[in-house]
Amino acid sequence: MGGAMKTCVAVLLWLCGGVCLAQVPPDGRPQSHAAYPASEAAAAWRALAAGYVRKALKDRTVDADPALNARVDKVMAAVGAAVAAVDARFAKSTWRAILIEDFGHGAAAFPGETILVDAKFVRALQLDDDELALVFSHEAAHVLAGHAAAKLTFMAQFLGKERVPTAQTALLEFLATDSYATVFQHTALQQEREADNIGAAIFYVTGYDLQRALRLFDKLAELETGEDQQSPNSHDAARERKQAVAGAIAELERRHARRGSAAR
């Protein structure tokens, strides 16, 4: 796997195609630099994650199943090591995944290398370790790509920074009104596609089984309704995502094989 890790660093840049550094809004104009300092934006999102955890502790909804938590910890450690292999910024980071009953989202990643996971979602879909690794790789990819900060920059551009002068006010405003998420939907879809691509590179390094992991999308497809597929969404249909992730990893494998042949 050492060779795959080295290959993955270069291929990750190819998969990103530069979009990690400059998001493109719906009007097609390049987005300006981040509206808030990186540390300030990250702190705002970390505070939100901490708030979710505090509420879960108060409501006693932090999952206490030792077997499930042990599985989640093991998979998260493997994904965290893979992230460090593909992005040197995270070489010394410690990732953690926290299971919360009825979190309301399948999983969500936050700066500070924290992923909150809906325990009910994990149990309902009977996710195995390979599927969990794919979920965590996708969520970690959002952090690598800076997607959380991009949401705040969108708010500053959409409302004017005088109305949201700090990252915290921008985040609170974004969460307070559903209509902002609707306007952001196009960019959110692009972010999800990026996360699938970058997440594929991360997953590739973990060594987990791809074919078993791809069953995640079959399970998600069963949850989709015809209305879901017709209406605007921040994610592509599960079947499309399955093809995209499988294709990205197939390309990683081809490039790794070509490099191996060239080395000989």
Protein backbone atom coordinates (compact mmCIF):
# COMPACT_ATOMS: atom_id res chain seq x y z
CA MET A 1 0.00 0.00 0.00
CA GLY A 2 3.01 2.33 0.38
CA GLY A 3 3.20 2.78 -3.40
CA ALA A 4 -0.50 3.46 -3.60
CA MET A 5 -0.16 6.21 -1.02
CA LYS A 6 2.53 7.97 -3.04
CA THR A 7 0.52 7.64 -6.22
CA CYS A 8 -2.57 8.93 -4.48
CA VAL A 9 -0.95 12.26 -3.61
CA ALA A 10 -0.49 13.17 -7.28
CA VAL A 11 -3.82 11.72 -8.36
CA LEU A 12 -5.66 13.61 -5.64
CA LEU A 13 -4.52 16.87 -7.23
CA TRP A 14 -5.75 15.62 -10.60
CA LEU A 15 -9.13 14.68 -9.14
CA CYS A 16 -9.50 18.09 -7.50
CA GLY A 17 -8.64 19.85 -10.75
CA GLY A 18 -8.01 23.01 -8.74
CA VAL A 19 -11.62 23.33 -7.61
CA CYS A 20 -10.64 22.87 -3.98
CA LEU A 21 -8.93 26.22 -4.09
CA ALA A 22 -11.57 28.22 -5.98
CA GLN A 23 -15.25 27.43 -5.86
CA VAL A 24 -17.43 28.52 -8.78
CA PRO A 25 -20.82 30.01 -7.85
CA PRO A 26 -24.00 29.57 -9.95
CA ASP A 27 -23.37 32.73 -11.98
CA GLY A 28 -20.12 31.24 -13.27
CA ARG A 29 -17.88 34.03 -11.95
CA PRO A 30 -14.80 32.95 -9.99
CA GLN A 31 -15.32 33.34 -6.28
CA SER A 32 -13.11 35.81 -4.46
CA HIS A 33 -10.79 34.85 -1.67
CA ALA A 34 -12.27 33.55 1.57
CA ALA A 35 -14.31 36.21 3.32
CA TYR A 36 -13.03 35.25 6.77
CA PRO A 37 -9.65 34.09 8.08
CA ALA A 38 -9.35 30.30 7.96
CA SER A 39 -8.91 30.07 11.73
CA GLU A 40 -12.05 32.15 12.35
CA ALA A 41 -14.17 30.11 9.92
CA ALA A 42 -12.91 26.83 11.39
CA ALA A 43 -13.63 28.04 14.92
CA ALA A 44 -17.23 28.87 14.00
CA TRP A 45 -17.83 25.38 12.62
CA ARG A 46 -16.05 23.71 15.54
CA ALA A 47 -18.31 25.60 17.91
CA LEU A 48 -21.34 24.28 16.02
CA ALA A 49 -20.06 20.70 16.29
CA ALA A 50 -19.41 21.17 20.00
CA GLY A 51 -22.95 22.47 20.40
CA TYR A 52 -24.36 19.35 18.77
CA VAL A 53 -22.29 17.16 21.09
CA ARG A 54 -23.28 19.12 24.20
CA LYS A 55 -26.94 18.77 23.29
CA ALA A 56 -26.50 15.04 22.66
CA LEU A 57 -24.84 14.63 26.06
CA LYS A 58 -27.63 16.59 27.72
CA ASP A 59 -30.30 14.56 25.92
CA ARG A 60 -28.36 11.34 26.48
CA THR A 61 -28.36 10.54 22.79
CA VAL A 62 -24.63 9.91 22.45
CA ASP A 63 -24.55 6.24 21.47
CA ALA A 64 -23.09 4.01 24.19
CA ASP A 65 -22.94 0.69 22.32
CA PRO A 66 -19.33 -0.40 22.98
CA ALA A 67 -19.14 -2.78 20.01
CA LEU A 68 -20.41 -0.23 17.51
CA ASN A 69 -18.22 2.53 18.93
CA ALA A 70 -15.18 0.26 18.73
CA ARG A 71 -15.92 -0.44 15.07
CA VAL A 72 -16.39 3.23 14.31
CA ASP A 73 -13.15 4.15 16.11
CA LYS A 74 -11.18 1.51 14.18
CA VAL A 75 -12.52 2.62 10.80
CA MET A 76 -12.06 6.30 11.62
CA ALA A 77 -8.43 5.67 12.57
CA ALA A 78 -7.81 3.96 9.22
CA VAL A 79 -9.46 6.78 7.30
CA GLY A 80 -7.54 9.38 9.32
CA ALA A 81 -4.27 7.66 8.41
CA ALA A 82 -5.31 7.70 4.74
CA VAL A 83 -6.10 11.42 4.94
CA ALA A 84 -2.62 12.06 6.34
CA ALA A 85 -1.16 10.11 3.42
CA VAL A 86 -2.88 12.21 0.77
CA ASP A 87 -2.66 15.63 2.43
CA ALA A 88 0.36 16.62 4.49
CA ARG A 89 -1.63 19.32 6.29
CA PHE A 90 -3.30 16.54 8.27
CA ALA A 91 -0.17 14.51 9.00
CA LYS A 92 -0.45 15.12 12.74
CA SER A 93 -4.24 15.28 13.00
CA THR A 94 -6.36 12.96 15.09
CA TRP A 95 -9.77 12.31 13.61
CA ARG A 96 -12.74 11.26 15.67
CA ALA A 97 -16.23 10.07 14.83
CA ILE A 98 -19.03 10.53 17.37
CA LEU A 99 -22.22 8.48 17.17
CA ILE A 100 -25.41 10.38 18.03
CA GLU A 101 -28.89 8.87 17.97
CA ASP A 102 -31.25 10.72 15.63
CA PHE A 103 -28.60 13.27 14.68
CA GLY A 104 -30.72 14.12 11.66
CA HIS A 105 -27.96 13.72 9.08
CA GLY A 106 -26.31 10.48 8.01
CA ALA A 107 -22.94 12.03 8.81
CA ALA A 108 -21.41 15.50 8.81
CA ALA A 109 -17.77 16.57 9.00
CA PHE A 110 -16.46 19.65 10.76
CA PRO A 111 -13.09 21.44 10.84
CA GLY A 112 -11.18 20.09 13.78
CA GLU A 113 -11.30 16.63 12.20
CA THR A 114 -14.61 15.66 13.78
CA ILE A 115 -17.33 13.65 12.08
CA LEU A 116 -20.75 13.37 13.69
CA VAL A 117 -22.62 10.23 12.69
CA ASP A 118 -26.27 9.30 13.06
CA ALA A 119 -26.23 5.97 14.90
CA LYS A 120 -29.76 5.25 13.70
CA PHE A 121 -28.56 5.67 10.11
CA VAL A 122 -25.70 3.23 10.67
CA ARG A 123 -27.99 0.61 12.19
CA ALA A 124 -30.86 1.04 9.74
CA LEU A 125 -28.56 0.53 6.75
CA GLN A 126 -26.54 -2.13 8.59
CA LEU A 127 -23.31 -0.49 7.48
CA ASP A 128 -20.25 -2.72 7.61
CA ASP A 129 -16.67 -1.46 8.05
CA ASP A 130 -16.09 -1.06 4.31
CA GLU A 131 -19.21 1.08 3.93
CA LEU A 132 -18.33 3.12 7.01
CA ALA A 133 -14.87 3.75 5.53
CA LEU A 134 -16.47 5.13 2.37
CA VAL A 135 -18.80 7.38 4.39
CA PHE A 136 -15.93 8.70 6.52
CA SER A 137 -13.69 9.19 3.47
CA HIS A 138 -16.39 11.29 1.80
CA GLU A 139 -16.94 13.38 4.92
CA ALA A 140 -13.22 13.90 5.50
CA ALA A 141 -12.96 15.06 1.88
CA HIS A 142 -15.27 17.98 2.70
CA VAL A 143 -12.75 19.13 5.31
CA LEU A 144 -9.78 18.74 2.96
CA ALA A 145 -11.57 20.78 0.29
CA GLY A 146 -12.53 23.60 2.65
CA HIS A 147 -16.24 23.31 1.90
CA ALA A 148 -17.34 24.60 5.31
CA ALA A 149 -15.47 27.87 4.83
CA ALA A 150 -16.93 28.20 1.32
CA LYS A 151 -20.44 28.28 2.77
CA LEU A 152 -19.49 31.25 4.93
CA THR A 153 -17.87 33.09 2.03
CA PHE A 154 -21.07 32.54 0.06
CA MET A 155 -23.05 34.21 2.84
CA ALA A 156 -20.70 37.20 2.91
CA GLN A 157 -21.04 37.61 -0.84
CA PHE A 158 -24.78 37.03 -0.93
CA LEU A 159 -25.72 39.33 1.97
CA GLY A 160 -22.74 41.67 2.10
CA LYS A 161 -20.12 41.37 4.79
CA GLU A 162 -21.46 44.38 6.65
CA ARG A 163 -24.51 42.28 7.51
CA VAL A 164 -22.46 39.23 8.50
CA PRO A 165 -19.18 40.75 9.72
CA THR A 166 -17.88 37.59 11.41
CA ALA A 167 -17.73 33.93 10.47
CA GLN A 168 -20.01 33.14 13.41
CA THR A 169 -22.73 35.53 12.25
CA ALA A 170 -22.45 34.17 8.70
CA LEU A 171 -22.89 30.61 9.94
CA LEU A 172 -25.84 31.46 12.16
CA GLU A 173 -27.51 33.30 9.28
CA PHE A 174 -26.93 30.38 6.92
CA LEU A 175 -28.48 27.94 9.38
CA ALA A 176 -31.39 30.20 10.26
CA THR A 177 -33.03 30.48 6.85
CA ASP A 178 -33.78 27.58 4.51
CA SER A 179 -33.84 29.86 1.48
CA TYR A 180 -30.07 30.36 1.70
CA ALA A 181 -29.52 26.64 1.33
CA THR A 182 -31.75 26.73 -1.75
CA VAL A 183 -29.64 29.47 -3.35
CA PHE A 184 -26.47 27.60 -2.38
CA GLN A 185 -27.82 24.30 -3.78
CA HIS A 186 -25.90 24.43 -7.07
CA THR A 187 -22.59 24.99 -5.30
CA ALA A 188 -23.50 22.36 -2.70
CA LEU A 189 -23.97 19.82 -5.50
CA GLN A 190 -20.51 20.66 -6.86
CA GLN A 191 -19.08 20.27 -3.38
CA GLU A 192 -20.67 16.84 -3.00
CA ARG A 193 -19.20 15.73 -6.32
CA GLU A 194 -15.79 16.98 -5.23
CA ALA A 195 -16.15 15.12 -1.94
CA ASP A 196 -17.01 11.92 -3.79
CA ASN A 197 -13.89 12.32 -5.96
CA ILE A 198 -11.52 13.24 -3.16
CA GLY A 199 -13.17 10.71 -0.87
CA ALA A 200 -12.50 8.02 -3.48
CA ALA A 201 -8.79 8.85 -3.31
CA ILE A 202 -8.85 8.67 0.49
CA PHE A 203 -10.78 5.41 0.44
CA TYR A 204 -8.31 3.94 -2.05
CA VAL A 205 -5.51 4.35 0.48
CA THR A 206 -7.42 2.77 3.37
CA GLY A 207 -7.27 -0.72 1.89
CA TYR A 208 -10.93 -1.44 2.56
CA ASP A 209 -12.86 -3.49 0.00
CA LEU A 210 -14.36 -1.32 -2.73
CA GLN A 211 -17.04 -3.72 -3.95
CA ARG A 212 -18.42 -4.17 -0.45
CA ALA A 213 -18.22 -0.43 0.17
CA LEU A 214 -20.16 0.39 -3.01
CA ARG A 215 -23.16 -1.46 -1.61
CA LEU A 216 -23.70 1.71 0.41
CA PHE A 217 -25.07 3.38 -2.71
CA ASP A 218 -27.42 0.48 -3.41
CA LYS A 219 -28.84 0.92 0.07
CA LEU A 220 -29.16 4.68 -0.40
CA ALA A 221 -30.88 4.13 -3.74
CA GLU A 222 -33.56 2.09 -2.02
CA LEU A 223 -34.33 5.09 0.20
CA GLU A 224 -34.74 7.47 -2.72
CA THR A 225 -38.19 8.25 -4.05
CA GLY A 226 -39.20 9.39 -7.52
CA GLU A 227 -39.78 12.85 -6.09
CA ASP A 228 -36.21 12.91 -4.72
CA GLN A 229 -34.82 12.20 -8.16
CA GLN A 230 -36.91 14.89 -9.86
CA SER A 231 -36.42 17.75 -7.40
CA PRO A 232 -33.21 19.79 -6.98
CA ASN A 233 -30.84 18.16 -4.53
CA SER A 234 -27.42 18.74 -3.07
CA HIS A 235 -26.44 15.16 -4.02
CA ASP A 236 -26.59 13.26 -7.29
CA ALA A 237 -28.73 10.11 -7.33
CA ALA A 238 -27.13 7.22 -5.48
CA ARG A 239 -26.65 5.14 -8.65
CA GLU A 240 -24.80 8.04 -10.31
CA ARG A 241 -22.61 8.48 -7.26
CA LYS A 242 -21.79 4.77 -7.27
CA GLN A 243 -20.59 5.00 -10.86
CA ALA A 244 -18.59 8.15 -10.17
CA VAL A 245 -16.79 6.70 -7.13
CA ALA A 246 -16.12 3.38 -8.87
CA GLY A 247 -14.80 5.26 -11.90
CA ALA A 248 -12.51 7.48 -9.83
CA ILE A 249 -10.99 4.49 -8.04
CA ALA A 250 -10.62 2.57 -11.31
CA GLU A 251 -8.63 5.52 -12.66
CA LEU A 252 -6.47 5.52 -9.53
CA GLU A 253 -5.77 1.83 -10.03
CA ARG A 254 -4.89 2.33 -13.70
CA ARG A 255 -2.49 5.15 -12.89
CA HIS A 256 -0.90 3.13 -10.10
CA ALA A 257 -0.48 0.18 -12.45
CA ARG A 258 1.12 2.37 -15.15
CA ARG A 259 3.54 3.86 -12.63
CA GLY A 260 4.41 0.39 -11.41
CA SER A 261 5.11 -0.77 -14.98
CA ALA A 262 7.22 2.30 -15.68
CA ALA A 263 9.26 1.69 -12.52
CA ARG A 264 10.12 -1.81 -13.73
